[in-house]
Protein backbone atom coordinates (compact mmCIF):
# COMPACT_ATOMS: atom_id res chain seq x y z
CA MET A 1 -10.29 10.14 12.44
CA SER A 2 -9.80 9.68 8.71
CA LEU A 3 -12.53 9.84 6.09
CA GLU A 4 -12.10 6.14 5.36
CA HIS A 5 -12.23 5.19 9.05
CA THR A 6 -15.51 7.02 9.34
CA SER A 7 -16.85 5.34 6.24
CA LEU A 8 -15.89 1.85 7.45
CA GLU A 9 -17.39 2.51 10.85
CA ALA A 10 -20.64 3.39 9.06
CA GLY A 11 -20.53 0.07 7.15
CA GLY A 12 -19.19 1.48 3.93
CA PRO A 13 -17.37 -0.82 1.44
CA ARG A 14 -13.61 -1.09 1.21
CA ILE A 15 -13.57 -1.83 -2.54
CA LYS A 16 -15.11 0.99 -4.54
CA PHE A 17 -14.40 -0.32 -8.04
CA GLU A 18 -15.91 -3.18 -10.00
CA CYS A 19 -14.12 -6.53 -9.83
CA VAL A 20 -14.36 -8.91 -12.76
CA ARG A 21 -12.76 -12.36 -12.41
CA VAL A 22 -11.48 -13.58 -15.79
CA GLY A 23 -10.16 -17.03 -14.81
CA CYS A 24 -7.46 -18.61 -12.69
CA GLU A 25 -3.81 -17.61 -12.68
CA GLU A 26 -1.66 -19.96 -14.74
CA ASP A 27 1.79 -18.33 -14.37
CA ASP A 28 4.43 -19.63 -12.01
CA VAL A 29 4.45 -16.94 -9.33
CA GLY A 30 5.51 -19.00 -6.33
CA GLU A 31 8.57 -16.87 -5.54
CA GLN A 32 6.59 -13.64 -5.79
CA ARG A 33 3.90 -15.02 -3.50
CA ARG A 34 6.53 -15.76 -0.91
CA ASP A 35 7.82 -12.18 -1.28
CA LEU A 36 4.30 -10.77 -0.68
CA GLU A 37 3.82 -13.11 2.27
CA ALA A 38 7.01 -11.72 3.81
CA GLY A 39 5.70 -8.21 3.23
CA LEU A 40 2.36 -8.91 4.89
CA GLN A 41 4.08 -10.55 7.86
CA ALA A 42 6.39 -7.50 8.26
CA LEU A 43 3.43 -5.13 8.19
CA VAL A 44 1.58 -7.09 10.90
CA ALA A 45 4.65 -7.75 13.07
CA SER A 46 5.63 -4.06 13.06
CA GLY A 47 2.12 -2.79 13.73
CA ALA A 48 2.06 -1.06 10.35
CA ALA A 49 -1.11 -2.89 9.41
CA PRO A 50 -3.63 -2.14 12.18
CA VAL A 51 -7.09 -3.61 12.36
CA GLY A 52 -9.79 -1.37 10.84
CA PRO A 53 -13.27 -0.69 12.20
CA ASP A 54 -14.52 -3.60 10.08
CA GLY A 55 -12.21 -6.06 11.81
CA LYS A 56 -9.93 -6.43 8.79
CA LEU A 57 -6.29 -5.53 8.41
CA LEU A 58 -5.29 -2.12 6.98
CA GLY A 59 -2.24 -2.99 4.93
CA ASN A 60 -1.31 -4.71 1.68
CA CYS A 61 1.35 -5.15 -0.95
CA ALA A 62 1.81 -5.91 -4.64
CA CYS A 63 4.50 -6.73 -7.21
CA LEU A 64 4.85 -6.34 -10.95
CA ILE A 65 5.26 -9.83 -12.41
CA GLN A 66 5.00 -8.79 -16.07
CA PRO A 67 4.32 -5.51 -17.86
CA GLY A 68 0.67 -4.73 -17.09
CA LYS A 69 0.26 -7.61 -14.65
CA LEU A 70 0.25 -7.34 -10.85
CA LEU A 71 0.32 -9.99 -8.15
CA ILE A 72 -1.48 -8.40 -5.16
CA SER A 73 -2.70 -9.30 -1.73
CA ARG A 74 -6.42 -9.87 -1.48
CA SER A 75 -8.91 -7.59 0.24
CA GLY A 76 -10.44 -8.36 3.60
CA ARG A 77 -7.80 -10.36 5.45
CA SER A 78 -8.37 -10.63 9.19
CA PRO A 79 -5.53 -10.72 11.78
CA THR A 80 -6.10 -14.43 12.41
CA ASP A 81 -6.08 -15.54 8.74
CA ALA A 82 -3.26 -17.90 7.87
CA ILE A 83 -1.62 -17.28 4.51
CA ASN A 84 -3.10 -19.33 1.71
CA TYR A 85 -1.15 -18.87 -1.51
CA SER A 86 -3.93 -19.86 -3.92
CA ARG A 87 -6.52 -17.69 -2.17
CA ASP A 88 -4.62 -14.67 -0.87
CA PHE A 89 -2.75 -13.42 -3.98
CA PRO A 90 -4.96 -12.69 -7.02
CA VAL A 91 -3.39 -11.40 -10.21
CA CYS A 92 -4.65 -8.14 -11.74
CA VAL A 93 -4.39 -8.22 -15.52
CA ALA A 94 -6.16 -4.97 -16.44
CA PHE A 95 -7.43 -1.81 -14.82
CA ASP A 96 -9.87 0.45 -16.67
CA LYS A 97 -9.70 3.97 -15.19
CA ASP A 98 -12.79 5.14 -17.09
CA ARG A 99 -15.03 2.24 -16.09
CA TRP A 100 -13.25 2.01 -12.70
CA GLN A 101 -12.96 -1.72 -13.09
CA VAL A 102 -10.27 -4.32 -12.50
CA GLU A 103 -9.95 -7.68 -14.23
CA PHE A 104 -8.28 -10.30 -12.09
CA ARG A 105 -7.43 -13.96 -11.99
CA ALA A 106 -7.98 -16.03 -8.89
CA GLU A 107 -9.39 -19.36 -7.72
CA SER A 108 -12.78 -17.77 -6.90
CA ASP A 109 -14.68 -14.53 -7.00
CA ALA A 110 -14.14 -14.21 -3.23
CA SER A 111 -10.40 -13.60 -3.71
CA ARG A 112 -10.84 -10.01 -4.76
CA PRO A 113 -7.70 -7.85 -4.97
CA SER A 114 -6.93 -5.19 -2.39
CA SER A 115 -9.07 -2.09 -2.22
CA ASP A 116 -5.83 -0.21 -2.92
CA THR A 117 -5.42 -1.87 -6.31
CA PRO A 118 -5.90 1.48 -8.13
CA LEU A 119 -2.98 2.96 -6.20
CA HIS A 120 -0.71 0.00 -6.81
CA TRP A 121 -1.62 -0.26 -10.50
CA PHE A 122 -0.81 3.40 -11.00
CA SER A 123 2.45 3.19 -9.00
CA LEU A 124 3.86 0.10 -10.72
CA VAL A 125 2.27 0.12 -14.20
CA GLU A 126 1.39 3.67 -15.19
CA ALA A 127 3.60 6.14 -13.34
CA PRO A 128 6.97 5.12 -14.89
CA ARG A 129 5.59 5.75 -18.39
CA ALA A 130 3.52 8.81 -17.43
CA PHE A 131 6.36 10.61 -15.72
CA GLY A 132 9.30 9.35 -17.72
CA TRP A 133 11.07 7.60 -14.85
CA PRO A 134 14.37 5.93 -15.89
CA ARG A 135 13.07 2.73 -14.29
CA GLY A 136 10.03 1.73 -12.34
CA ALA A 137 9.61 -0.09 -9.08
CA THR A 138 8.80 -3.81 -8.82
CA PHE A 139 7.18 -3.88 -5.41
CA VAL A 140 4.97 -1.65 -3.31
CA LEU A 141 4.43 -2.09 0.44
CA HIS A 142 1.55 -0.17 1.99
CA GLY A 143 0.59 0.29 5.58
CA HIS A 144 -1.02 2.79 7.94
CA THR A 145 1.68 3.66 10.46
CA PHE A 146 2.45 7.03 8.93
CA ALA A 147 -0.37 9.20 7.66
CA THR A 148 0.06 12.74 8.99
CA SER A 149 1.94 15.87 8.05
CA GLU A 150 3.74 15.75 11.40
CA GLU A 151 5.04 12.24 10.65
CA ALA A 152 6.07 13.19 7.14
CA ALA A 153 8.06 16.13 8.49
CA LEU A 154 9.64 13.97 11.19
CA LEU A 155 10.75 11.38 8.63
CA GLY A 156 11.58 13.78 5.81
CA VAL A 157 9.33 12.14 3.23
CA PRO A 158 6.79 13.75 0.87
CA ILE A 159 3.06 13.78 1.72
CA SER A 160 0.00 14.61 -0.34
CA GLU A 161 -2.10 17.59 0.66
CA GLU A 162 -5.55 16.07 0.07
CA GLU A 163 -7.30 13.47 2.20
CA THR A 164 -9.68 11.26 0.26
CA LEU A 165 -11.66 8.11 0.60
CA PHE A 166 -9.61 5.01 -0.29
CA SER A 167 -10.15 3.14 -3.54
CA THR A 168 -11.43 6.21 -5.41
CA LYS A 169 -10.38 8.19 -8.45
CA GLU A 170 -9.58 11.08 -6.13
CA ASP A 171 -7.27 8.82 -4.13
CA VAL A 172 -5.27 7.95 -7.26
CA GLN A 173 -5.14 11.55 -8.46
CA ALA A 174 -3.68 12.66 -5.11
CA LEU A 175 -1.01 9.93 -5.39
CA SER A 176 -0.34 10.87 -9.01
CA ASP A 177 0.35 14.48 -8.00
CA LEU A 178 2.73 13.26 -5.33
CA LEU A 179 4.65 10.88 -7.63
CA ARG A 180 4.87 13.53 -10.35
CA LEU A 181 6.58 15.98 -7.95
CA HIS A 182 8.72 13.34 -6.23
CA PRO A 183 9.84 10.74 -8.81
CA TYR A 184 11.09 7.28 -8.12
CA PRO A 185 13.87 6.15 -7.54
CA GLN A 186 15.08 9.44 -6.05
CA HIS A 187 12.13 9.06 -3.66
CA LYS A 188 10.92 5.69 -2.44
CA VAL A 189 8.60 6.53 0.44
CA PHE A 190 5.35 8.48 0.04
CA ILE A 191 2.58 9.33 2.47
CA ARG A 192 -1.04 9.75 1.52
CA LYS A 193 -2.55 12.17 4.04
CA GLY A 194 -5.04 10.35 6.25
CA HIS A 195 -4.40 7.08 4.41
CA GLY A 196 -0.95 5.72 4.99
CA PHE A 197 2.47 5.20 3.45
CA LEU A 198 3.62 3.52 0.23
CA ILE A 199 7.14 2.17 -0.15
CA LEU A 200 8.28 1.58 -3.73
CA SER A 201 11.24 -0.76 -4.17
CA GLU A 202 13.11 -3.14 -6.42
CA THR A 203 12.76 -6.09 -3.99
CA MET A 204 10.45 -6.85 -1.08
CA GLN A 205 13.41 -7.13 1.29
CA GLU A 206 14.40 -3.58 0.38
CA ALA A 207 10.84 -2.38 1.16
CA ILE A 208 10.89 -4.21 4.52
CA ASP A 209 14.29 -2.79 5.43
CA THR A 210 13.00 0.72 4.50
CA LEU A 211 9.92 0.22 6.71
CA ASN A 212 12.05 -0.88 9.66
CA GLY A 213 14.35 2.07 9.15
CA LEU A 214 11.40 4.48 9.22
CA LEU A 215 10.04 2.94 12.35
CA GLU A 216 13.43 3.16 14.06
CA ARG A 217 13.84 6.79 12.98
CA LYS A 218 10.42 7.70 14.32
CA ALA A 219 11.07 5.99 17.64
CA LEU A 220 14.53 7.64 17.98
CA LYS A 221 13.28 11.13 17.18
CA GLY A 222 10.29 10.62 19.44
CA ALA A 223 12.60 9.62 22.31
CA ARG A 224 14.80 12.65 21.71
CA GLY A 225 11.77 14.89 21.67
CA ALA A 226 10.55 13.42 24.97
CA GLU A 227 13.97 14.04 26.55
CA GLY A 228 13.99 17.64 25.36
CA ALA A 229 10.48 18.26 26.64
CA GLY A 230 11.39 16.84 30.01
CA GLY A 231 13.84 19.62 30.72
CA GLY A 232 17.08 19.11 32.57
CA GLY A 233 19.01 19.97 35.65
CA SER A 234 19.51 18.23 38.93
């Protein structure tokens, strides 16, 4: 059981940073909202966004709509919630690492951005500049299907060594170490130990295709392993 699972079971909060709403979003982001909707649907349909101990989905996504501006799925969606464009996709316009505070635009204070906002802000806004990537990603798709060293080895993708609580400075530092050692776009899939996977991509469809490929690879290798363990001979 992960640290975060234990925390949620004990009634701990998902969001561990301050959220400050600074108005409503005025940009035309209809196309990007549809992209994020497709990402959320893919996570749920594939089982990559399981239900947490608090009854809410464990999975989210984000996209860079302008430099320093993220459209992101809201925190606390339940499995039965229908997509509501004006409610479900707040826009993050600033993240203060020292104050551990996000400024966001949404129709109400209740539409708070994902608890993984610090990870997505770092991945899409800060990492390209910090690590000198030739180009940054536009989308990030995050789910909880893969979270162990065994799964990382099976899939051949990098994994962080530390397990941390979600939504914390330690969580971002562990991801930062991972992205520094395994830069995008040479690497597009990353696993946070005990947390889940992040897929960085240029389009949401690319991220969905990558997720489906990982699931197929895991299933195929699992089937081969089962055959080998079963022995042979007649």
